PDB file of N, CA and C in Angstrom:
ATOM      1  N   UNK A   1     -98.104 -20.071 -56.196  1.00  0.00           N
ATOM      2  CA  UNK A   1     -98.676 -21.408 -55.970  1.00  0.00           C
ATOM      3  C   UNK A   1     -98.698 -22.135 -57.433  1.00  0.00           C
ATOM      4  N   UNK A   2     -99.353 -21.439 -58.412  1.00  0.00           N
ATOM      5  CA  UNK A   2     -99.595 -21.988 -59.790  1.00  0.00           C
ATOM      6  C   UNK A   2     -98.061 -22.155 -60.512  1.00  0.00           C
ATOM      7  N   UNK A   3     -98.056 -22.851 -61.493  1.00  0.00           N
ATOM      8  CA  UNK A   3     -96.840 -23.238 -62.271  1.00  0.00           C
ATOM      9  C   UNK A   3     -97.136 -22.856 -63.653  1.00  0.00           C
ATOM     10  N   UNK A   4     -96.380 -22.637 -64.651  1.00  0.00           N
ATOM     11  CA  UNK A   4     -96.450 -22.284 -66.075  1.00  0.00           C
ATOM     12  C   UNK A   4     -96.690 -23.556 -66.960  1.00  0.00           C
ATOM     13  N   UNK A   5     -97.721 -23.749 -67.412  1.00  0.00           N
ATOM     14  CA  UNK A   5     -98.300 -24.802 -68.365  1.00  0.00           C
ATOM     15  C   UNK A   5     -97.528 -24.730 -69.747  1.00  0.00           C
ATOM     16  N   UNK A   6     -97.219 -25.567 -70.162  1.00  0.00           N
ATOM     17  CA  UNK A   6     -96.541 -25.739 -71.578  1.00  0.00           C
ATOM     18  C   UNK A   6     -97.043 -27.192 -72.188  1.00  0.00           C
ATOM     19  N   UNK A   7     -97.792 -26.842 -73.397  1.00  0.00           N
ATOM     20  CA  UNK A   7     -98.280 -28.010 -74.110  1.00  0.00           C
ATOM     21  C   UNK A   7     -97.918 -27.857 -75.589  1.00  0.00           C
ATOM     22  N   UNK A   8     -97.090 -28.751 -75.687  1.00  0.00           N
ATOM     23  CA  UNK A   8     -96.261 -28.773 -77.116  1.00  0.00           C
ATOM     24  C   UNK A   8     -95.134 -27.699 -76.938  1.00  0.00           C
ATOM     25  N   UNK A   9     -94.710 -27.154 -78.102  1.00  0.00           N
ATOM     26  CA  UNK A   9     -93.920 -25.858 -78.185  1.00  0.00           C
ATOM     27  C   UNK A   9     -94.831 -24.663 -78.489  1.00  0.00           C
ATOM     28  N   UNK A  10     -96.128 -24.818 -78.569  1.00  0.00           N
ATOM     29  CA  UNK A  10     -96.857 -23.459 -79.224  1.00  0.00           C
ATOM     30  C   UNK A  10     -97.697 -22.839 -78.061  1.00  0.00           C
ATOM     31  N   UNK A  11     -98.132 -23.656 -77.164  1.00  0.00           N
ATOM     32  CA  UNK A  11     -99.031 -23.273 -76.116  1.00  0.00           C
ATOM     33  C   UNK A  11     -98.444 -22.875 -74.752  1.00  0.00           C
ATOM     34  N   UNK A  12     -98.480 -21.751 -74.331  1.00  0.00           N
ATOM     35  CA  UNK A  12     -98.041 -21.521 -72.916  1.00  0.00           C
ATOM     36  C   UNK A  12     -98.924 -20.593 -71.974  1.00  0.00           C
ATOM     37  N   UNK A  13     -99.235 -21.256 -70.698  1.00  0.00           N
ATOM     38  CA  UNK A  13    -100.293 -20.525 -70.013  1.00  0.00           C
ATOM     39  C   UNK A  13     -99.348 -20.118 -68.704  1.00  0.00           C
ATOM     40  N   UNK A  14     -99.150 -18.701 -68.425  1.00  0.00           N
ATOM     41  CA  UNK A  14     -98.479 -18.541 -67.214  1.00  0.00           C
ATOM     42  C   UNK A  14     -99.351 -18.420 -66.239  1.00  0.00           C
ATOM     43  N   UNK A  15     -98.501 -18.319 -64.747  1.00  0.00           N
ATOM     44  CA  UNK A  15     -99.293 -18.338 -63.734  1.00  0.00           C
ATOM     45  C   UNK A  15     -99.921 -17.395 -63.324  1.00  0.00           C
ATOM     46  N   UNK A  16     -99.761 -16.028 -63.888  1.00  0.00           N
ATOM     47  CA  UNK A  16    -100.390 -14.860 -63.761  1.00  0.00           C
ATOM     48  C   UNK A  16    -101.801 -14.804 -64.550  1.00  0.00           C
ATOM     49  N   UNK A  17    -101.994 -15.670 -65.434  1.00  0.00           N
ATOM     50  CA  UNK A  17    -103.153 -15.679 -66.074  1.00  0.00           C
ATOM     51  C   UNK A  17    -104.273 -16.471 -65.256  1.00  0.00           C
ATOM     52  N   UNK A  18    -103.943 -17.345 -64.636  1.00  0.00           N
ATOM     53  CA  UNK A  18    -104.832 -18.286 -63.532  1.00  0.00           C
ATOM     54  C   UNK A  18    -105.222 -17.545 -62.313  1.00  0.00           C
ATOM     55  N   UNK A  19    -106.440 -17.751 -61.955  1.00  0.00           N
ATOM     56  CA  UNK A  19    -106.972 -17.174 -60.674  1.00  0.00           C
ATOM     57  C   UNK A  19    -107.472 -18.458 -60.096  1.00  0.00           C
ATOM     58  N   UNK A  20    -107.152 -18.497 -58.785  1.00  0.00           N
ATOM     59  CA  UNK A  20    -107.812 -19.577 -58.022  1.00  0.00           C
ATOM     60  C   UNK A  20    -108.471 -18.964 -56.825  1.00  0.00           C
ATOM     61  N   UNK A  21    -109.619 -19.609 -56.396  1.00  0.00           N
ATOM     62  CA  UNK A  21    -110.600 -19.481 -55.353  1.00  0.00           C
ATOM     63  C   UNK A  21    -110.852 -20.599 -54.624  1.00  0.00           C
ATOM     64  N   UNK A  22    -110.921 -20.455 -53.396  1.00  0.00           N
ATOM     65  CA  UNK A  22    -111.112 -21.653 -52.514  1.00  0.00           C
ATOM     66  C   UNK A  22    -112.229 -21.558 -51.694  1.00  0.00           C
ATOM     67  N   UNK A  23    -112.846 -22.778 -51.637  1.00  0.00           N
ATOM     68  CA  UNK A  23    -114.362 -23.109 -50.819  1.00  0.00           C
ATOM     69  C   UNK A  23    -114.045 -24.226 -50.080  1.00  0.00           C
ATOM     70  N   UNK A  24    -115.200 -24.448 -49.325  1.00  0.00           N
ATOM     71  CA  UNK A  24    -115.404 -25.652 -48.599  1.00  0.00           C
ATOM     72  C   UNK A  24    -115.594 -26.869 -49.495  1.00  0.00           C
ATOM     73  N   UNK A  25    -115.014 -27.988 -49.074  1.00  0.00           N
ATOM     74  CA  UNK A  25    -115.507 -29.046 -49.927  1.00  0.00           C
ATOM     75  C   UNK A  25    -116.744 -29.742 -49.564  1.00  0.00           C
ATOM     76  N   UNK A  26    -117.558 -30.501 -50.401  1.00  0.00           N
ATOM     77  CA  UNK A  26    -118.458 -31.191 -49.999  1.00  0.00           C
ATOM     78  C   UNK A  26    -118.270 -32.506 -49.503  1.00  0.00           C
ATOM     79  N   UNK A  27    -119.291 -33.356 -48.735  1.00  0.00           N
ATOM     80  CA  UNK A  27    -118.954 -34.625 -48.600  1.00  0.00           C
ATOM     81  C   UNK A  27    -118.245 -35.031 -47.165  1.00  0.00           C
ATOM     82  N   UNK A  28    -118.035 -35.991 -46.894  1.00  0.00           N
ATOM     83  CA  UNK A  28    -117.428 -36.506 -45.775  1.00  0.00           C
ATOM     84  C   UNK A  28    -116.010 -36.098 -45.590  1.00  0.00           C
ATOM     85  N   UNK A  29    -115.450 -35.898 -44.253  1.00  0.00           N
ATOM     86  CA  UNK A  29    -114.200 -35.309 -43.991  1.00  0.00           C
ATOM     87  C   UNK A  29    -113.929 -35.205 -42.594  1.00  0.00           C
ATOM     88  N   UNK A  30    -115.016 -35.607 -41.751  1.00  0.00           N
ATOM     89  CA  UNK A  30    -114.805 -35.447 -40.373  1.00  0.00           C
ATOM     90  C   UNK A  30    -115.235 -33.864 -39.857  1.00  0.00           C
ATOM     91  N   UNK A  31    -114.422 -33.701 -38.606  1.00  0.00           N
ATOM     92  CA  UNK A  31    -114.595 -32.347 -38.051  1.00  0.00           C
ATOM     93  C   UNK A  31    -113.941 -31.095 -38.804  1.00  0.00           C
ATOM     94  N   UNK A  32    -112.889 -31.356 -39.568  1.00  0.00           N
ATOM     95  CA  UNK A  32    -112.058 -30.290 -40.049  1.00  0.00           C
ATOM     96  C   UNK A  32    -112.634 -30.138 -41.547  1.00  0.00           C
ATOM     97  N   UNK A  33    -113.702 -30.848 -41.905  1.00  0.00           N
ATOM     98  CA  UNK A  33    -114.265 -30.335 -43.366  1.00  0.00           C
ATOM     99  C   UNK A  33    -115.069 -29.041 -43.097  1.00  0.00           C
ATOM    100  N   UNK A  34    -115.574 -28.484 -42.001  1.00  0.00           N
ATOM    101  CA  UNK A  34    -116.443 -27.246 -41.735  1.00  0.00           C
ATOM    102  C   UNK A  34    -115.460 -26.073 -41.658  1.00  0.00           C
ATOM    103  N   UNK A  35    -114.043 -26.295 -41.452  1.00  0.00           N
ATOM    104  CA  UNK A  35    -113.115 -25.187 -41.060  1.00  0.00           C
ATOM    105  C   UNK A  35    -112.086 -24.999 -42.169  1.00  0.00           C
ATOM    106  N   UNK A  36    -111.883 -25.989 -43.051  1.00  0.00           N
ATOM    107  CA  UNK A  36    -110.815 -25.723 -44.001  1.00  0.00           C
ATOM    108  C   UNK A  36    -111.390 -25.712 -45.403  1.00  0.00           C
ATOM    109  N   UNK A  37    -110.977 -24.691 -46.094  1.00  0.00           N
ATOM    110  CA  UNK A  37    -111.346 -24.501 -47.577  1.00  0.00           C
ATOM    111  C   UNK A  37    -110.271 -25.347 -48.510  1.00  0.00           C
ATOM    112  N   UNK A  38    -110.614 -26.494 -48.638  1.00  0.00           N
ATOM    113  CA  UNK A  38    -109.736 -27.149 -49.488  1.00  0.00           C
ATOM    114  C   UNK A  38    -110.382 -27.459 -50.925  1.00  0.00           C
ATOM    115  N   UNK A  39    -111.495 -26.908 -51.475  1.00  0.00           N
ATOM    116  CA  UNK A  39    -111.979 -27.190 -52.830  1.00  0.00           C
ATOM    117  C   UNK A  39    -111.177 -26.083 -53.630  1.00  0.00           C
ATOM    118  N   UNK A  40    -110.433 -26.439 -54.784  1.00  0.00           N
ATOM    119  CA  UNK A  40    -109.947 -25.267 -55.517  1.00  0.00           C
ATOM    120  C   UNK A  40    -110.968 -25.164 -56.838  1.00  0.00           C
ATOM    121  N   UNK A  41    -111.125 -23.602 -57.186  1.00  0.00           N
ATOM    122  CA  UNK A  41    -111.817 -23.424 -58.217  1.00  0.00           C
ATOM    123  C   UNK A  41    -110.880 -22.691 -59.309  1.00  0.00           C
ATOM    124  N   UNK A  42    -110.690 -22.861 -60.299  1.00  0.00           N
ATOM    125  CA  UNK A  42    -109.677 -22.214 -61.306  1.00  0.00           C
ATOM    126  C   UNK A  42    -110.426 -21.313 -62.273  1.00  0.00           C
ATOM    127  N   UNK A  43    -110.116 -20.260 -62.746  1.00  0.00           N
ATOM    128  CA  UNK A  43    -110.782 -19.386 -63.529  1.00  0.00           C
ATOM    129  C   UNK A  43    -109.455 -18.758 -64.443  1.00  0.00           C
ATOM    130  N   UNK A  44    -109.821 -19.002 -65.874  1.00  0.00           N
ATOM    131  CA  UNK A  44    -108.872 -18.490 -66.835  1.00  0.00           C
ATOM    132  C   UNK A  44    -109.625 -17.923 -67.943  1.00  0.00           C
ATOM    133  N   UNK A  45    -109.094 -16.870 -68.557  1.00  0.00           N
ATOM    134  CA  UNK A  45    -109.713 -16.102 -69.572  1.00  0.00           C
ATOM    135  C   UNK A  45    -109.179 -16.471 -70.841  1.00  0.00           C
ATOM    136  N   UNK A  46    -110.050 -17.398 -71.306  1.00  0.00           N
ATOM    137  CA  UNK A  46    -109.678 -18.010 -72.578  1.00  0.00           C
ATOM    138  C   UNK A  46    -109.544 -17.038 -73.597  1.00  0.00           C
ATOM    139  N   UNK A  47    -110.385 -16.108 -73.822  1.00  0.00           N
ATOM    140  CA  UNK A  47    -110.157 -15.161 -74.896  1.00  0.00           C
ATOM    141  C   UNK A  47    -109.205 -14.201 -74.932  1.00  0.00           C
ATOM    142  N   UNK A  48    -108.525 -13.910 -73.651  1.00  0.00           N
ATOM    143  CA  UNK A  48    -107.470 -12.989 -73.462  1.00  0.00           C
ATOM    144  C   UNK A  48    -106.179 -13.607 -73.321  1.00  0.00           C
ATOM    145  N   UNK A  49    -106.016 -15.129 -73.277  1.00  0.00           N
ATOM    146  CA  UNK A  49    -104.821 -15.444 -73.151  1.00  0.00           C
ATOM    147  C   UNK A  49    -103.638 -15.326 -74.245  1.00  0.00           C
ATOM    148  N   UNK A  50    -102.680 -14.583 -73.710  1.00  0.00           N
ATOM    149  CA  UNK A  50    -101.541 -14.368 -74.844  1.00  0.00           C
ATOM    150  C   UNK A  50    -100.860 -15.438 -75.348  1.00  0.00           C
ATOM    151  N   UNK A  51    -100.623 -16.496 -74.636  1.00  0.00           N
ATOM    152  CA  UNK A  51     -99.729 -17.725 -75.011  1.00  0.00           C
ATOM    153  C   UNK A  51    -100.547 -18.726 -75.879  1.00  0.00           C
ATOM    154  N   UNK A  52    -101.667 -18.476 -76.431  1.00  0.00           N
ATOM    155  CA  UNK A  52    -102.773 -19.323 -77.004  1.00  0.00           C
ATOM    156  C   UNK A  52    -103.112 -18.742 -78.451  1.00  0.00           C
ATOM    157  N   UNK A  53    -102.363 -19.842 -79.371  1.00  0.00           N
ATOM    158  CA  UNK A  53    -102.407 -19.364 -80.765  1.00  0.00           C
ATOM    159  C   UNK A  53    -104.116 -19.509 -81.121  1.00  0.00           C
ATOM    160  N   UNK A  54    -104.398 -18.459 -82.068  1.00  0.00           N
ATOM    161  CA  UNK A  54    -105.746 -18.084 -82.450  1.00  0.00           C
ATOM    162  C   UNK A  54    -106.486 -19.411 -83.011  1.00  0.00           C
ATOM    163  N   UNK A  55    -105.810 -20.294 -83.765  1.00  0.00           N
ATOM    164  CA  UNK A  55    -106.318 -21.644 -84.183  1.00  0.00           C
ATOM    165  C   UNK A  55    -106.629 -22.568 -83.135  1.00  0.00           C
ATOM    166  N   UNK A  56    -105.701 -22.623 -81.946  1.00  0.00           N
ATOM    167  CA  UNK A  56    -106.066 -23.438 -80.850  1.00  0.00           C
ATOM    168  C   UNK A  56    -107.215 -22.689 -80.027  1.00  0.00           C
ATOM    169  N   UNK A  57    -107.035 -21.420 -79.866  1.00  0.00           N
ATOM    170  CA  UNK A  57    -108.138 -20.922 -79.326  1.00  0.00           C
ATOM    171  C   UNK A  57    -109.808 -21.069 -79.777  1.00  0.00           C
ATOM    172  N   UNK A  58    -109.634 -20.926 -80.878  1.00  0.00           N
ATOM    173  CA  UNK A  58    -110.954 -21.352 -81.792  1.00  0.00           C
ATOM    174  C   UNK A  58    -111.403 -22.807 -81.639  1.00  0.00           C
ATOM    175  N   UNK A  59    -110.650 -23.885 -81.555  1.00  0.00           N
ATOM    176  CA  UNK A  59    -110.937 -25.120 -81.158  1.00  0.00           C
ATOM    177  C   UNK A  59    -111.203 -25.208 -79.823  1.00  0.00           C
ATOM    178  N   UNK A  60    -110.503 -24.718 -78.869  1.00  0.00           N
ATOM    179  CA  UNK A  60    -110.872 -24.803 -77.335  1.00  0.00           C
ATOM    180  C   UNK A  60    -112.249 -24.407 -77.184  1.00  0.00           C
ATOM    181  N   UNK A  61    -112.558 -22.992 -77.705  1.00  0.00           N
ATOM    182  CA  UNK A  61    -113.845 -22.481 -77.539  1.00  0.00           C
ATOM    183  C   UNK A  61    -114.950 -23.162 -77.959  1.00  0.00           C
ATOM    184  N   UNK A  62    -114.707 -23.906 -79.231  1.00  0.00           N
ATOM    185  CA  UNK A  62    -115.877 -24.723 -79.877  1.00  0.00           C
ATOM    186  C   UNK A  62    -115.905 -25.958 -79.083  1.00  0.00           C
ATOM    187  N   UNK A  63    -114.941 -26.797 -78.578  1.00  0.00           N
ATOM    188  CA  UNK A  63    -115.036 -28.082 -77.951  1.00  0.00           C
ATOM    189  C   UNK A  63    -115.366 -27.934 -76.669  1.00  0.00           C
ATOM    190  N   UNK A  64    -115.107 -26.662 -75.887  1.00  0.00           N
ATOM    191  CA  UNK A  64    -115.416 -26.612 -74.502  1.00  0.00           C
ATOM    192  C   UNK A  64    -116.300 -25.582 -74.315  1.00  0.00           C
ATOM    193  N   UNK A  65    -117.452 -25.200 -75.083  1.00  0.00           N
ATOM    194  CA  UNK A  65    -118.188 -23.981 -75.111  1.00  0.00           C
ATOM    195  C   UNK A  65    -119.160 -24.046 -73.695  1.00  0.00           C
ATOM    196  N   UNK A  66    -119.588 -25.426 -73.432  1.00  0.00           N
ATOM    197  CA  UNK A  66    -120.422 -25.539 -72.157  1.00  0.00           C
ATOM    198  C   UNK A  66    -119.500 -25.244 -70.850  1.00  0.00           C
ATOM    199  N   UNK A  67    -118.347 -25.380 -70.925  1.00  0.00           N
ATOM    200  CA  UNK A  67    -117.543 -24.751 -69.774  1.00  0.00           C
ATOM    201  C   UNK A  67    -116.975 -23.441 -69.549  1.00  0.00           C
ATOM    202  N   UNK A  68    -117.369 -22.685 -70.788  1.00  0.00           N
ATOM    203  CA  UNK A  68    -116.821 -21.140 -70.624  1.00  0.00           C
ATOM    204  C   UNK A  68    -118.135 -20.432 -70.341  1.00  0.00           C
ATOM    205  N   UNK A  69    -117.672 -19.293 -69.633  1.00  0.00           N
ATOM    206  CA  UNK A  69    -118.802 -18.402 -69.337  1.00  0.00           C
ATOM    207  C   UNK A  69    -118.850 -17.350 -70.334  1.00  0.00           C
ATOM    208  N   UNK A  70    -119.951 -16.656 -70.203  1.00  0.00           N
ATOM    209  CA  UNK A  70    -120.512 -15.562 -71.254  1.00  0.00           C
ATOM    210  C   UNK A  70    -119.173 -14.666 -71.579  1.00  0.00           C
ATOM    211  N   UNK A  71    -118.269 -14.283 -70.623  1.00  0.00           N
ATOM    212  CA  UNK A  71    -117.339 -13.499 -70.610  1.00  0.00           C
ATOM    213  C   UNK A  71    -116.032 -14.051 -71.188  1.00  0.00           C
ATOM    214  N   UNK A  72    -116.144 -15.401 -71.390  1.00  0.00           N
ATOM    215  CA  UNK A  72    -115.015 -16.110 -72.202  1.00  0.00           C
ATOM    216  C   UNK A  72    -114.103 -16.513 -71.060  1.00  0.00           C
ATOM    217  N   UNK A  73    -114.560 -16.981 -69.770  1.00  0.00           N
ATOM    218  CA  UNK A  73    -113.547 -17.419 -68.956  1.00  0.00           C
ATOM    219  C   UNK A  73    -113.950 -19.021 -68.610  1.00  0.00           C
ATOM    220  N   UNK A  74    -112.991 -19.648 -68.490  1.00  0.00           N
ATOM    221  CA  UNK A  74    -113.218 -21.162 -68.256  1.00  0.00           C
ATOM    222  C   UNK A  74    -113.083 -21.382 -66.653  1.00  0.00           C
ATOM    223  N   UNK A  75    -113.837 -22.160 -66.315  1.00  0.00           N
ATOM    224  CA  UNK A  75    -114.167 -22.368 -64.866  1.00  0.00           C
ATOM    225  C   UNK A  75    -114.091 -23.712 -64.756  1.00  0.00           C
ATOM    226  N   UNK A  76    -112.938 -24.237 -63.875  1.00  0.00           N
ATOM    227  CA  UNK A  76    -112.770 -25.599 -63.533  1.00  0.00           C
ATOM    228  C   UNK A  76    -112.576 -25.944 -61.947  1.00  0.00           C
ATOM    229  N   UNK A  77    -113.097 -26.853 -61.395  1.00  0.00           N
ATOM    230  CA  UNK A  77    -113.026 -27.182 -60.047  1.00  0.00           C
ATOM    231  C   UNK A  77    -112.389 -28.463 -59.524  1.00  0.00           C
ATOM    232  N   UNK A  78    -112.012 -28.716 -58.539  1.00  0.00           N
ATOM    233  CA  UNK A  78    -111.397 -29.930 -57.843  1.00  0.00           C
ATOM    234  C   UNK A  78    -111.515 -30.019 -56.522  1.00  0.00           C
ATOM    235  N   UNK A  79    -112.203 -31.140 -56.101  1.00  0.00           N
ATOM    236  CA  UNK A  79    -112.313 -31.420 -54.575  1.00  0.00           C
ATOM    237  C   UNK A  79    -112.245 -32.826 -54.238  1.00  0.00           C
ATOM    238  N   UNK A  80    -111.234 -33.347 -54.990  1.00  0.00           N
ATOM    239  CA  UNK A  80    -111.084 -34.545 -54.944  1.00  0.00           C
ATOM    240  C   UNK A  80    -110.232 -35.035 -53.672  1.00  0.00           C
ATOM    241  N   UNK A  81    -109.294 -34.036 -53.167  1.00  0.00           N
ATOM    242  CA  UNK A  81    -108.467 -34.453 -52.162  1.00  0.00           C
ATOM    243  C   UNK A  81    -108.724 -33.551 -50.997  1.00  0.00           C
ATOM    244  N   UNK A  82    -108.433 -33.943 -50.017  1.00  0.00           N
ATOM    245  CA  UNK A  82    -108.471 -33.134 -48.661  1.00  0.00           C
ATOM    246  C   UNK A  82    -107.637 -32.031 -48.487  1.00  0.00           C
ATOM    247  N   UNK A  83    -106.401 -32.010 -49.414  1.00  0.00           N
ATOM    248  CA  UNK A  83    -105.305 -30.996 -49.311  1.00  0.00           C
ATOM    249  C   UNK A  83    -105.609 -29.932 -50.422  1.00  0.00           C
ATOM    250  N   UNK A  84    -105.493 -28.867 -50.102  1.00  0.00           N
ATOM    251  CA  UNK A  84    -105.952 -27.409 -51.057  1.00  0.00           C
ATOM    252  C   UNK A  84    -104.930 -27.672 -52.257  1.00  0.00           C
ATOM    253  N   UNK A  85    -103.378 -27.845 -51.890  1.00  0.00           N
ATOM    254  CA  UNK A  85    -102.301 -27.729 -52.919  1.00  0.00           C
ATOM    255  C   UNK A  85    -102.718 -29.017 -53.812  1.00  0.00           C
ATOM    256  N   UNK A  86    -103.148 -30.255 -53.360  1.00  0.00           N
ATOM    257  CA  UNK A  86    -103.311 -31.289 -54.677  1.00  0.00           C
ATOM    258  C   UNK A  86    -104.403 -31.104 -55.209  1.00  0.00           C
ATOM    259  N   UNK A  87    -105.438 -30.327 -54.887  1.00  0.00           N
ATOM    260  CA  UNK A  87    -106.755 -29.921 -55.660  1.00  0.00           C
ATOM    261  C   UNK A  87    -106.245 -28.997 -56.592  1.00  0.00           C
ATOM    262  N   UNK A  88    -105.316 -27.935 -56.466  1.00  0.00           N
ATOM    263  CA  UNK A  88    -104.795 -27.039 -57.410  1.00  0.00           C
ATOM    264  C   UNK A  88    -104.025 -27.573 -58.406  1.00  0.00           C
ATOM    265  N   UNK A  89    -103.371 -28.473 -58.025  1.00  0.00           N
ATOM    266  CA  UNK A  89    -102.474 -29.618 -59.137  1.00  0.00           C
ATOM    267  C   UNK A  89    -103.458 -30.273 -60.045  1.00  0.00           C
ATOM    268  N   UNK A  90    -104.660 -30.657 -59.526  1.00  0.00           N
ATOM    269  CA  UNK A  90    -105.474 -31.469 -60.196  1.00  0.00           C
ATOM    270  C   UNK A  90    -106.128 -30.521 -61.142  1.00  0.00           C
ATOM    271  N   UNK A  91    -106.578 -29.200 -60.773  1.00  0.00           N
ATOM    272  CA  UNK A  91    -107.244 -28.255 -61.612  1.00  0.00           C
ATOM    273  C   UNK A  91    -106.286 -28.103 -62.753  1.00  0.00           C
ATOM    274  N   UNK A  92    -104.865 -27.739 -62.658  1.00  0.00           N
ATOM    275  CA  UNK A  92    -103.912 -27.706 -63.688  1.00  0.00           C
ATOM    276  C   UNK A  92    -103.866 -28.926 -64.542  1.00  0.00           C
ATOM    277  N   UNK A  93    -103.652 -30.046 -63.934  1.00  0.00           N
ATOM    278  CA  UNK A  93    -103.718 -31.170 -64.658  1.00  0.00           C
ATOM    279  C   UNK A  93    -105.090 -31.362 -65.676  1.00  0.00           C
ATOM    280  N   UNK A  94    -106.175 -31.225 -65.188  1.00  0.00           N
ATOM    281  CA  UNK A  94    -107.350 -31.024 -66.072  1.00  0.00           C
ATOM    282  C   UNK A  94    -107.203 -29.954 -67.302  1.00  0.00           C
ATOM    283  N   UNK A  95    -106.737 -28.728 -66.960  1.00  0.00           N
ATOM    284  CA  UNK A  95    -106.336 -27.786 -67.898  1.00  0.00           C
ATOM    285  C   UNK A  95    -105.411 -28.110 -68.750  1.00  0.00           C
ATOM    286  N   UNK A  96    -104.455 -28.808 -68.454  1.00  0.00           N
ATOM    287  CA  UNK A  96    -103.335 -29.296 -69.299  1.00  0.00           C
ATOM    288  C   UNK A  96    -103.857 -30.338 -70.273  1.00  0.00           C
ATOM    289  N   UNK A  97    -104.676 -31.276 -69.810  1.00  0.00           N
ATOM    290  CA  UNK A  97    -105.400 -32.338 -70.620  1.00  0.00           C
ATOM    291  C   UNK A  97    -106.179 -31.634 -71.711  1.00  0.00           C
ATOM    292  N   UNK A  98    -106.991 -30.632 -71.253  1.00  0.00           N
ATOM    293  CA  UNK A  98    -107.865 -30.015 -72.220  1.00  0.00           C
ATOM    294  C   UNK A  98    -106.991 -29.446 -73.361  1.00  0.00           C
ATOM    295  N   UNK A  99    -105.994 -28.553 -73.129  1.00  0.00           N
ATOM    296  CA  UNK A  99    -105.364 -28.086 -73.772  1.00  0.00           C
ATOM    297  C   UNK A  99    -104.582 -28.865 -74.922  1.00  0.00           C
ATOM    298  N   UNK A 100    -104.087 -30.065 -74.432  1.00  0.00           N
ATOM    299  CA  UNK A 100    -103.496 -30.916 -75.268  1.00  0.00           C
ATOM    300  C   UNK A 100    -104.495 -31.637 -76.263  1.00  0.00           C
ATOM    301  N   UNK A 101    -105.846 -31.661 -75.697  1.00  0.00           N
ATOM    302  CA  UNK A 101    -106.870 -32.338 -76.870  1.00  0.00           C
ATOM    303  C   UNK A 101    -107.227 -31.407 -78.018  1.00  0.00           C
ATOM    304  N   UNK A 102    -106.961 -30.109 -77.720  1.00  0.00           N
ATOM    305  CA  UNK A 102    -107.027 -29.278 -78.841  1.00  0.00           C
ATOM    306  C   UNK A 102    -105.933 -28.516 -79.440  1.00  0.00           C
ATOM    307  N   UNK A 103    -104.556 -29.093 -79.134  1.00  0.00           N
ATOM    308  CA  UNK A 103    -103.452 -28.620 -79.490  1.00  0.00           C
ATOM    309  C   UNK A 103    -103.204 -28.663 -80.935  1.00  0.00           C
ATOM    310  N   UNK A 104    -103.561 -29.898 -81.482  1.00  0.00           N
ATOM    311  CA  UNK A 104    -103.229 -30.311 -82.975  1.00  0.00           C
ATOM    312  C   UNK A 104    -104.608 -30.226 -83.708  1.00  0.00           C
ATOM    313  N   UNK A 105    -104.767 -29.865 -84.777  1.00  0.00           N
ATOM    314  CA  UNK A 105    -105.870 -29.839 -85.692  1.00  0.00           C
ATOM    315  C   UNK A 105    -105.947 -30.914 -86.150  1.00  0.00           C
ATOM    316  N   UNK A 106    -107.485 -31.409 -86.287  1.00  0.00           N
ATOM    317  CA  UNK A 106    -108.025 -32.585 -86.507  1.00  0.00           C
ATOM    318  C   UNK A 106    -107.565 -32.988 -88.024  1.00  0.00           C
ATOM    319  N   UNK A 107    -107.379 -34.156 -88.336  1.00  0.00           N
ATOM    320  CA  UNK A 107    -107.025 -34.561 -89.830  1.00  0.00           C
ATOM    321  C   UNK A 107    -108.232 -34.331 -90.749  1.00  0.00           C
ATOM    322  N   UNK A 108    -108.154 -33.636 -91.787  1.00  0.00           N
ATOM    323  CA  UNK A 108    -109.306 -33.577 -92.768  1.00  0.00           C
ATOM    324  C   UNK A 108    -110.058 -34.999 -93.155  1.00  0.00           C
ATOM    325  N   UNK A 109    -111.411 -34.699 -93.068  1.00  0.00           N
ATOM    326  CA  UNK A 109    -112.067 -35.877 -93.209  1.00  0.00           C
ATOM    327  C   UNK A 109    -111.904 -36.266 -94.635  1.00  0.00           C
ATOM    328  N   UNK A 110    -111.849 -37.427 -95.311  1.00  0.00           N
ATOM    329  CA  UNK A 110    -111.948 -37.741 -96.528  1.00  0.00           C
ATOM    330  C   UNK A 110    -113.301 -38.539 -96.994  1.00  0.00           C
ATOM    331  N   UNK A 111    -113.842 -37.978 -97.908  1.00  0.00           N
ATOM    332  CA  UNK A 111    -115.133 -38.277 -98.518  1.00  0.00           C
ATOM    333  C   UNK A 111    -115.150 -39.912 -98.833  1.00  0.00           C
TER     334      UNK A 111
END
């Protein structure tokens, strides 16, 4: 279901590293909302990710510390769509954007 994420030429997240759970979405949806688990919850162990260079891992852990559990696991969720597959793709897009944000080291500040 998940695909391999590649950000630049240094960062790779394999589909085996990602765990998805599904739950019922909140909000309007008609009669079908009580029967279908379309909300996607992505869990990814940042501290154990083999395709994440150590400098990128440090920046990721610093920038997104509020989204990471005590065990070093990132938790993302999506319930924007009524379709489970589209919510999975939305979670992957969020993770890809987060990784792209920390892929390059910030330029050193000049006094």
